[in-house]
Structures are given as C-alpha cells and as structure tokens.
Amino acid sequence: MATETKSRSRATDEESTESGVRSRWERSTVRTAWIVAVLAFFPLALMAVVLRPAYLSPWTLQPLAAVGAFGIYTAMTRKLLRRRAILAKPFPAAWEEVLQRDVLFFRVLEPAEQARFRRELQIFLGEKRITGIGTQVDTTTRVLAGASAIIPIFGFPEWEWEQINEVLIYPSRFDEDFSFEKGAGKNTLGMVGTGAMNRLMILVKPDLVQGFRNAGDKHNVGIHEFAHLVDKSDGHVDGTPAVGLDRNSIGPWIELVRRKMAEIDRGDSDINPYALTNEVEFFAVASEYFFERPGVMKKAHPELYSMLERVFHQNLSSRINALAAERKRGRPRFGRNSPCPCGSGHKYKKCCLRRAQAE
C-alpha cells in the first residue's frame, strides 16, 4: 500500500508540474501560431481573389488561402509537436541511475522538482546533439552534460536554450587550437564557442565526470561553461548576467566583483584564483562555488551568495543541510536488491535495472 501511495504521489507531482509549467509555454506557442495564421489568411484570401483567373469564382480559391494559413500554423508549432513526442517517451532507467548516483543537486530536490528536472533533461538531450570527438559518448557523459545545462537555469522553468545546438565531448584537455593530441600544450577543460564555433560547446569527458563525482571541491566544468551561456543570454558575455539582475543591481554587482577579485589577488579568499582572469571567468567560477558548496559560500561570502541567488532565481538555503548530508553519505551504490533509485519502492533488479536491460 505504501509503495502504491508513493507511486501515485509521484505521478500526481509529475502531472501537476507538467500542466503548470510546460503548458504555459505550449499555450503561448499555440496562441501565437493561431493569431499569425488567422492574420495571414486574409491577405492570402485577398491575393486569391485578385490573382484568380476570370473564369473561376472568388470562392473557388479560398480553400487555398486556408491551406496556406494552416501551413503557417503547422510550421510555427513544429517544435511543440517534436517536444511532445520527446516527452511521450518513458524516462530511461539508465538516466535515472546516473542522476541518483552522480548528480547531488538532483538527489535533494523535492519529488515534483525531480519530475521537472527529468523533463527538462529529456527536452535538452532530445533537442541538442551530444557528439564525441575522439571518444565515445556513454550514458553517464550524456546525462551529466545535460544536467550541467539544467542546474544553472532550474530557477527559470520556461527557459529555452537557444544559445546552443551541440555539445562536443573531448577525450582530454585541449589547447587554443582545439588540439588534444600528444605534445600539445593542453590546459583547457571546456569552452563556449564563438565565431565559426558559435552555438557549440566543448567539454572534456574526464573533467565533466569528475566535476559531478567530487561534489564538494567547488569545481564543475559543466556548470562553469553553461554559466557562460547564462551570462550570454542578454547578448553579451561580460560577467554581468542581466537575465537575473535588474538595472539597479548592475552597479552593485560590478562593484562586488571588483572587491572580490581584489580579495583573491591579496590571497584573502577561498575562491579559485582562475576567477582573476577577467569578470567573465569570475562569474563562471563563482557559479561553480554557488552550486557545489552553497553553505560554505553563504558563510564566507554572504553578499556574493545573495547576489547569485538573485541571478539564478534559486534559493539554495533550504537545501544546504540536505546537500551536506548527501555529500557526507557519498555516492549511492545500487545493488540488485537495493531500493530502486527512481523511488518506486521496488527493488532495483525488479524495476529500473529490468527496464534498462530491456532497452
């Protein structure tokens, strides 16, 4: 009975989250498409009347105008239909295991929030390409790349990742020429592309995985690179993420960054010195710190912590104790007879493991 109740509760949470969050985006898309299609019908109908051959009735060509308007509606809702198809598929059991094992942020979410995280992950991995360059993209790498995208924008339920189309996974660190061959001066863990590489991101596979498996070192290259894209969402990569700061907060943010960089330069800060590179890197480094060790940041850098809560629209204070407890517990191990990580109440071998083997 308890298992059935828990399963029904999870299903209810997922349904309420889907109807409350995604339906707003869907309703907006459908409404806009209908308006444009209706507005397009009238000039199309007028053209049909003006250009018709003399021997045809004006009403003969009106269906063509309707077909044209419907074509516009279909084109504008194509993304919505593709997304519905993506979400109609069951969430892969292998993905769930990676989330439960390696993504601390996910493990401490409430059930309804976890349901939304799963859907956001399905959408991201369903719409974006994750491509291995000289290496295989396994399930863990794929899911962690997607989780890196979801964590920074989880406070924006209707966020659309328009700034990126593809994530390239490299086998090792690379140089300024994107070479990871032996002998190259390799020191780059990840980057957001510009110019010819626009809408591309590069992540180094071992560093991406290690960033999640060591969830307390304040380093996570995936979050770092997607923080750059959050910064870029206003059209400029300048270390001032206007998406989460109103106009009156820009000045205080710039002054805070200046003071914090001075502290790092004097050796009076625990923030990674790489943040001294420039204001852009300061924001990305601070974002890693914020998501990996929010409790430590809140004590050591309360003003910076408060600002980043506003930037990301996420109140991590309520999760600090849970994060600390999970970090102390370490990575869960899933034996065949362990409780299934999906929360069904069944044993792992009779639930997600069975589904994973069947896929």
Protein backbone atom coordinates (compact mmCIF):
# COMPACT_ATOMS: atom_id res chain seq x y z
CA MET A 1 0.00 0.00 0.00
CA ALA A 2 2.81 2.41 0.89
CA THR A 3 4.53 1.66 -2.42
CA GLU A 4 1.33 2.30 -4.37
CA THR A 5 0.71 5.55 -2.48
CA LYS A 6 4.25 6.75 -3.18
CA SER A 7 3.94 5.87 -6.87
CA ARG A 8 0.58 7.69 -7.14
CA SER A 9 2.08 10.70 -5.34
CA ARG A 10 4.99 10.82 -7.77
CA ALA A 11 2.66 10.52 -10.77
CA THR A 12 0.49 13.34 -9.39
CA ASP A 13 3.55 15.52 -8.85
CA GLU A 14 4.67 14.92 -12.43
CA GLU A 15 1.24 15.66 -13.88
CA SER A 16 0.78 18.87 -11.88
CA THR A 17 4.26 20.10 -12.80
CA GLU A 18 3.70 19.33 -16.50
CA SER A 19 0.31 21.05 -16.60
CA GLY A 20 1.59 24.06 -14.64
CA VAL A 21 4.94 24.72 -16.28
CA ARG A 22 5.15 23.28 -19.76
CA SER A 23 1.52 24.05 -20.61
CA ARG A 24 2.19 27.79 -20.25
CA TRP A 25 4.84 27.56 -22.97
CA GLU A 26 2.59 25.35 -25.08
CA ARG A 27 -0.42 27.65 -24.69
CA SER A 28 1.68 30.65 -25.66
CA THR A 29 3.06 28.84 -28.72
CA VAL A 30 -0.36 27.65 -29.89
CA ARG A 31 -2.00 31.02 -29.27
CA THR A 32 0.69 32.90 -31.21
CA ALA A 33 0.54 30.39 -34.08
CA TRP A 34 -3.26 30.73 -34.36
CA ILE A 35 -3.09 34.52 -34.33
CA VAL A 36 -0.44 34.62 -37.05
CA ALA A 37 -2.30 32.01 -39.12
CA VAL A 38 -5.61 33.89 -38.89
CA LEU A 39 -3.96 37.20 -39.74
CA ALA A 40 -2.22 35.54 -42.68
CA PHE A 41 -5.47 34.08 -44.02
CA PHE A 42 -6.97 37.43 -45.00
CA PRO A 43 -4.12 38.70 -47.24
CA LEU A 44 -3.84 35.20 -48.72
CA ALA A 45 -7.58 35.22 -49.45
CA LEU A 46 -7.33 38.70 -50.96
CA MET A 47 -4.46 37.60 -53.19
CA ALA A 48 -6.51 34.60 -54.31
CA VAL A 49 -9.36 36.92 -55.34
CA VAL A 50 -7.11 39.45 -57.10
CA LEU A 51 -4.98 36.92 -58.96
CA ARG A 52 -7.69 34.40 -59.83
CA PRO A 53 -8.45 33.65 -63.48
CA ALA A 54 -11.64 35.34 -64.69
CA TYR A 55 -13.45 32.04 -65.28
CA LEU A 56 -13.15 30.99 -61.58
CA SER A 57 -15.45 32.07 -58.79
CA PRO A 58 -13.82 34.11 -55.99
CA TRP A 59 -14.84 31.35 -53.57
CA THR A 60 -13.08 28.64 -55.52
CA LEU A 61 -9.61 29.66 -54.34
CA GLN A 62 -10.49 30.44 -50.72
CA PRO A 63 -9.59 26.89 -49.58
CA LEU A 64 -6.06 27.55 -50.86
CA ALA A 65 -5.81 30.51 -48.50
CA ALA A 66 -6.96 28.27 -45.65
CA VAL A 67 -4.34 25.68 -46.59
CA GLY A 68 -1.66 28.38 -46.60
CA ALA A 69 -2.73 29.65 -43.20
CA PHE A 70 -2.75 26.11 -41.80
CA GLY A 71 0.73 25.58 -43.20
CA ILE A 72 1.93 28.63 -41.27
CA TYR A 73 0.31 27.27 -38.09
CA THR A 74 1.95 23.87 -38.61
CA ALA A 75 5.38 25.41 -39.15
CA MET A 76 5.10 27.53 -36.01
CA THR A 77 4.05 24.57 -33.84
CA ARG A 78 6.55 22.06 -35.25
CA LYS A 79 8.90 22.46 -32.29
CA LEU A 80 6.00 21.94 -29.89
CA LEU A 81 4.98 18.70 -31.62
CA ARG A 82 8.56 17.40 -31.61
CA ARG A 83 8.82 18.22 -27.91
CA ARG A 84 5.58 16.42 -27.13
CA ALA A 85 6.97 13.36 -28.89
CA ILE A 86 10.15 13.57 -26.82
CA LEU A 87 8.22 13.81 -23.56
CA ALA A 88 5.88 11.00 -24.53
CA LYS A 89 8.77 8.55 -24.23
CA PRO A 90 9.42 6.98 -20.80
CA PHE A 91 12.35 8.41 -18.89
CA PRO A 92 15.25 5.95 -19.42
CA ALA A 93 16.11 3.88 -16.36
CA ALA A 94 19.83 4.26 -17.10
CA TRP A 95 19.46 8.06 -16.96
CA GLU A 96 17.71 7.82 -13.60
CA GLU A 97 20.58 5.79 -12.20
CA VAL A 98 23.13 8.39 -13.31
CA LEU A 99 21.09 11.21 -11.76
CA GLN A 100 20.69 9.36 -8.46
CA ARG A 101 24.32 8.29 -8.35
CA ASP A 102 26.21 11.33 -9.62
CA VAL A 103 24.02 14.46 -9.50
CA LEU A 104 23.83 15.66 -5.91
CA PHE A 105 21.71 18.65 -6.92
CA PHE A 106 19.04 16.29 -8.26
CA ARG A 107 19.02 13.97 -5.25
CA VAL A 108 17.99 16.70 -2.79
CA LEU A 109 15.11 18.07 -4.88
CA GLU A 110 11.50 17.52 -3.86
CA PRO A 111 9.62 14.87 -5.92
CA ALA A 112 7.79 17.48 -8.03
CA GLU A 113 11.08 19.27 -8.69
CA GLN A 114 12.75 16.00 -9.65
CA ALA A 115 9.91 15.34 -12.09
CA ARG A 116 10.52 18.73 -13.71
CA PHE A 117 14.28 18.11 -13.79
CA ARG A 118 13.69 14.82 -15.64
CA ARG A 119 11.51 16.54 -18.23
CA GLU A 120 13.99 19.37 -18.73
CA LEU A 121 16.71 16.77 -19.21
CA GLN A 122 14.62 14.84 -21.74
CA ILE A 123 13.99 18.03 -23.69
CA PHE A 124 17.62 19.14 -23.69
CA LEU A 125 19.01 15.75 -24.71
CA GLY A 126 16.19 15.28 -27.21
CA GLU A 127 16.78 18.62 -28.94
CA LYS A 128 20.56 19.10 -28.65
CA ARG A 129 23.34 16.95 -30.08
CA ILE A 130 25.98 15.48 -27.76
CA THR A 131 28.87 14.44 -30.02
CA GLY A 132 32.05 12.60 -29.11
CA ILE A 133 35.27 13.80 -30.74
CA GLY A 134 37.83 11.02 -30.50
CA THR A 135 35.83 9.38 -27.72
CA GLN A 136 32.59 7.53 -27.15
CA VAL A 137 29.68 9.35 -25.51
CA ASP A 138 28.37 6.89 -22.94
CA THR A 139 25.17 7.29 -20.93
CA THR A 140 26.92 8.87 -17.95
CA THR A 141 28.64 11.51 -20.06
CA ARG A 142 25.45 12.31 -21.95
CA VAL A 143 23.32 12.68 -18.82
CA LEU A 144 25.94 14.75 -16.98
CA ALA A 145 26.28 17.10 -19.95
CA GLY A 146 22.51 17.57 -19.87
CA ALA A 147 22.45 18.01 -16.08
CA SER A 148 25.10 20.72 -16.44
CA ALA A 149 22.64 22.63 -18.60
CA ILE A 150 19.64 22.15 -16.32
CA ILE A 151 21.18 23.07 -12.95
CA PRO A 152 22.00 26.76 -13.65
CA ILE A 153 18.60 27.53 -15.20
CA PHE A 154 16.43 25.44 -12.88
CA GLY A 155 15.09 28.66 -11.37
CA PHE A 156 13.69 29.63 -14.79
CA PRO A 157 11.07 26.92 -15.53
CA GLU A 158 10.39 28.13 -19.07
CA TRP A 159 14.00 28.72 -20.11
CA GLU A 160 14.85 27.87 -23.71
CA TRP A 161 18.48 27.02 -24.56
CA GLU A 162 18.56 28.95 -27.84
CA GLN A 163 22.26 29.77 -27.39
CA ILE A 164 23.46 26.24 -28.10
CA ASN A 165 22.83 23.47 -30.62
CA GLU A 166 25.55 20.94 -29.85
CA VAL A 167 27.97 19.86 -27.10
CA LEU A 168 31.26 18.34 -28.27
CA ILE A 169 32.84 15.86 -25.86
CA TYR A 170 36.65 15.71 -25.99
CA PRO A 171 38.70 12.82 -24.53
CA SER A 172 41.24 15.09 -22.81
CA ARG A 173 42.13 18.72 -22.24
CA PHE A 174 42.91 20.76 -25.33
CA ASP A 175 44.87 23.83 -26.43
CA GLU A 176 43.89 27.09 -28.11
CA ASP A 177 43.79 25.30 -31.48
CA PHE A 178 41.33 22.71 -30.07
CA SER A 179 44.02 20.03 -30.31
CA PHE A 180 44.14 17.26 -27.72
CA GLU A 181 46.93 15.31 -29.40
CA LYS A 182 50.09 14.31 -27.54
CA GLY A 183 52.59 17.10 -27.21
CA ALA A 184 50.01 19.88 -27.38
CA GLY A 185 50.02 22.44 -24.58
CA LYS A 186 46.74 21.17 -23.20
CA ASN A 187 45.14 23.08 -20.34
CA THR A 188 41.55 23.87 -21.35
CA LEU A 189 38.72 21.85 -19.75
CA GLY A 190 35.84 23.39 -21.68
CA MET A 191 34.75 26.36 -23.70
CA VAL A 192 31.76 28.06 -25.26
CA GLY A 193 32.32 28.58 -28.96
CA THR A 194 32.27 31.90 -30.77
CA GLY A 195 32.54 32.89 -34.43
CA ALA A 196 32.62 29.76 -36.59
CA MET A 197 32.09 27.68 -33.43
CA ASN A 198 29.00 29.66 -32.41
CA ARG A 199 26.25 27.61 -30.70
CA LEU A 200 28.81 24.91 -29.86
CA MET A 201 30.28 23.96 -26.50
CA ILE A 202 33.31 21.75 -25.79
CA LEU A 203 33.53 19.73 -22.58
CA VAL A 204 36.36 17.38 -21.60
CA LYS A 205 34.90 14.00 -20.65
CA PRO A 206 37.07 13.10 -17.61
CA ASP A 207 36.73 16.59 -16.12
CA LEU A 208 32.98 16.67 -16.73
CA VAL A 209 32.51 13.37 -14.89
CA GLN A 210 34.92 14.28 -12.08
CA GLY A 211 33.12 17.59 -11.57
CA PHE A 212 29.99 15.72 -10.52
CA ARG A 213 31.62 12.85 -8.68
CA ASN A 214 33.59 15.21 -6.47
CA ALA A 215 30.67 17.40 -5.48
CA GLY A 216 32.48 19.33 -2.77
CA ASP A 217 35.58 20.79 -4.40
CA LYS A 218 33.79 23.85 -5.89
CA HIS A 219 34.83 22.78 -9.39
CA ASN A 220 32.37 21.69 -12.08
CA VAL A 221 33.35 22.38 -15.68
CA GLY A 222 29.85 21.66 -16.98
CA ILE A 223 28.21 24.23 -14.72
CA HIS A 224 31.09 26.64 -15.46
CA GLU A 225 30.51 26.57 -19.22
CA PHE A 226 26.73 26.76 -19.04
CA ALA A 227 27.09 29.70 -16.63
CA HIS A 228 28.87 31.46 -19.50
CA LEU A 229 25.77 30.88 -21.62
CA VAL A 230 23.53 32.27 -18.88
CA ASP A 231 25.80 35.33 -18.95
CA LYS A 232 25.40 35.42 -22.75
CA SER A 233 21.58 35.27 -22.64
CA ASP A 234 21.36 39.09 -22.79
CA GLY A 235 23.52 39.09 -25.91
CA HIS A 236 26.82 39.91 -24.18
CA VAL A 237 29.38 37.74 -22.39
CA ASP A 238 30.67 40.32 -19.93
CA GLY A 239 30.38 38.77 -16.48
CA THR A 240 27.20 40.74 -15.75
CA PRO A 241 24.26 38.34 -16.11
CA ALA A 242 21.44 40.77 -16.78
CA VAL A 243 18.96 37.88 -17.01
CA GLY A 244 18.79 37.74 -13.20
CA LEU A 245 19.74 41.28 -12.24
CA ASP A 246 17.56 44.33 -12.67
CA ARG A 247 19.03 47.63 -13.83
CA ASN A 248 19.52 48.92 -10.28
CA SER A 249 21.55 45.83 -9.35
CA ILE A 250 24.12 46.05 -12.16
CA GLY A 251 26.28 48.69 -10.46
CA PRO A 252 26.40 46.90 -7.08
CA TRP A 253 27.23 43.64 -8.86
CA ILE A 254 30.16 45.18 -10.75
CA GLU A 255 31.47 46.75 -7.54
CA LEU A 256 31.10 43.45 -5.65
CA VAL A 257 33.03 41.58 -8.34
CA ARG A 258 35.80 44.20 -8.18
CA ARG A 259 36.11 43.80 -4.40
CA LYS A 260 36.05 40.01 -4.53
CA MET A 261 38.71 39.92 -7.24
CA ALA A 262 40.87 42.19 -5.09
CA GLU A 263 40.47 39.76 -2.17
CA ILE A 264 41.58 36.86 -4.37
CA ASP A 265 44.57 38.87 -5.59
CA ARG A 266 45.63 39.56 -1.97
CA GLY A 267 45.31 35.89 -1.07
CA ASP A 268 42.40 36.59 1.28
CA SER A 269 39.81 34.42 -0.46
CA ASP A 270 38.99 30.75 -1.00
CA ILE A 271 37.58 31.48 -4.46
CA ASN A 272 39.53 29.76 -7.25
CA PRO A 273 42.26 32.19 -8.47
CA TYR A 274 41.21 31.43 -12.05
CA ALA A 275 38.45 33.95 -11.34
CA LEU A 276 41.10 36.67 -11.67
CA THR A 277 41.31 36.03 -15.44
CA ASN A 278 38.54 38.56 -16.02
CA GLU A 279 34.97 39.39 -14.91
CA VAL A 280 33.55 36.76 -17.28
CA GLU A 281 35.54 33.96 -15.65
CA PHE A 282 34.82 35.35 -12.18
CA PHE A 283 31.09 34.84 -12.76
CA ALA A 284 31.55 31.27 -14.03
CA VAL A 285 33.91 30.32 -11.17
CA ALA A 286 31.57 31.86 -8.60
CA SER A 287 28.70 29.89 -10.14
CA GLU A 288 30.57 26.62 -9.63
CA TYR A 289 31.13 27.55 -5.99
CA PHE A 290 27.48 28.58 -5.53
CA PHE A 291 26.04 25.28 -6.77
CA GLU A 292 28.66 22.98 -5.28
CA ARG A 293 29.08 24.49 -1.81
CA PRO A 294 26.25 26.96 -1.14
CA GLY A 295 26.54 26.60 2.63
CA VAL A 296 30.23 27.49 2.63
CA MET A 297 29.68 30.42 0.25
CA LYS A 298 26.81 31.76 2.34
CA LYS A 299 29.10 31.92 5.40
CA ALA A 300 32.28 33.07 3.69
CA HIS A 301 30.77 35.37 1.04
CA PRO A 302 27.21 36.28 2.12
CA GLU A 303 26.85 39.24 -0.25
CA LEU A 304 28.06 37.24 -3.25
CA TYR A 305 25.82 34.34 -2.28
CA SER A 306 22.79 36.63 -2.03
CA MET A 307 23.54 38.15 -5.44
CA LEU A 308 23.87 34.74 -7.08
CA GLU A 309 20.55 33.64 -5.58
CA ARG A 310 19.01 36.55 -7.44
CA VAL A 311 20.94 35.85 -10.64
CA PHE A 312 19.85 32.21 -10.81
CA HIS A 313 16.44 32.65 -9.14
CA GLN A 314 17.31 29.77 -6.82
CA ASN A 315 17.14 29.71 -3.04
CA LEU A 316 19.65 27.01 -2.13
CA SER A 317 19.47 27.88 1.57
CA SER A 318 16.62 25.43 2.04
CA ARG A 319 18.78 22.63 0.61
CA ILE A 320 22.06 23.35 2.41
CA ASN A 321 21.53 20.73 5.14
CA ALA A 322 20.29 18.13 2.68
CA LEU A 323 23.25 18.78 0.39
CA ALA A 324 25.68 18.41 3.30
CA ALA A 325 24.05 15.16 4.41
CA GLU A 326 24.14 13.69 0.89
CA ARG A 327 27.72 14.80 0.40
CA LYS A 328 28.69 13.05 3.65
CA ARG A 329 26.82 9.89 2.62
CA GLY A 330 28.74 9.78 -0.66
CA ARG A 331 27.74 8.27 -3.98
CA PRO A 332 24.96 5.71 -3.62
CA ARG A 333 25.74 2.16 -4.67
CA PHE A 334 22.97 0.26 -6.38
CA GLY A 335 22.98 -3.46 -5.74
CA ARG A 336 20.41 -5.72 -7.34
CA ASN A 337 18.47 -5.88 -4.09
CA SER A 338 18.80 -2.17 -3.23
CA PRO A 339 15.73 0.09 -3.23
CA CYS A 340 15.31 1.38 -6.78
CA PRO A 341 16.69 4.92 -7.20
CA CYS A 342 13.55 6.01 -9.06
CA GLY A 343 11.60 5.97 -5.77
CA SER A 344 9.07 3.33 -6.82
CA GLY A 345 9.63 1.33 -3.63
CA HIS A 346 10.57 -1.80 -5.60
CA LYS A 347 13.97 -3.46 -5.60
CA TYR A 348 16.40 -2.18 -8.20
CA LYS A 349 16.54 -5.56 -10.00
CA LYS A 350 12.75 -5.61 -10.39
CA CYS A 351 12.39 -2.01 -11.52
CA CYS A 352 14.89 0.25 -13.30
CA LEU A 353 17.53 -2.45 -13.80
CA ARG A 354 14.98 -4.64 -15.56
CA ARG A 355 13.86 -1.73 -17.73
CA ALA A 356 17.46 -0.75 -18.52
CA GLN A 357 18.27 -4.31 -19.63
CA ALA A 358 15.18 -4.34 -21.84
CA GLU A 359 16.11 -1.08 -23.61
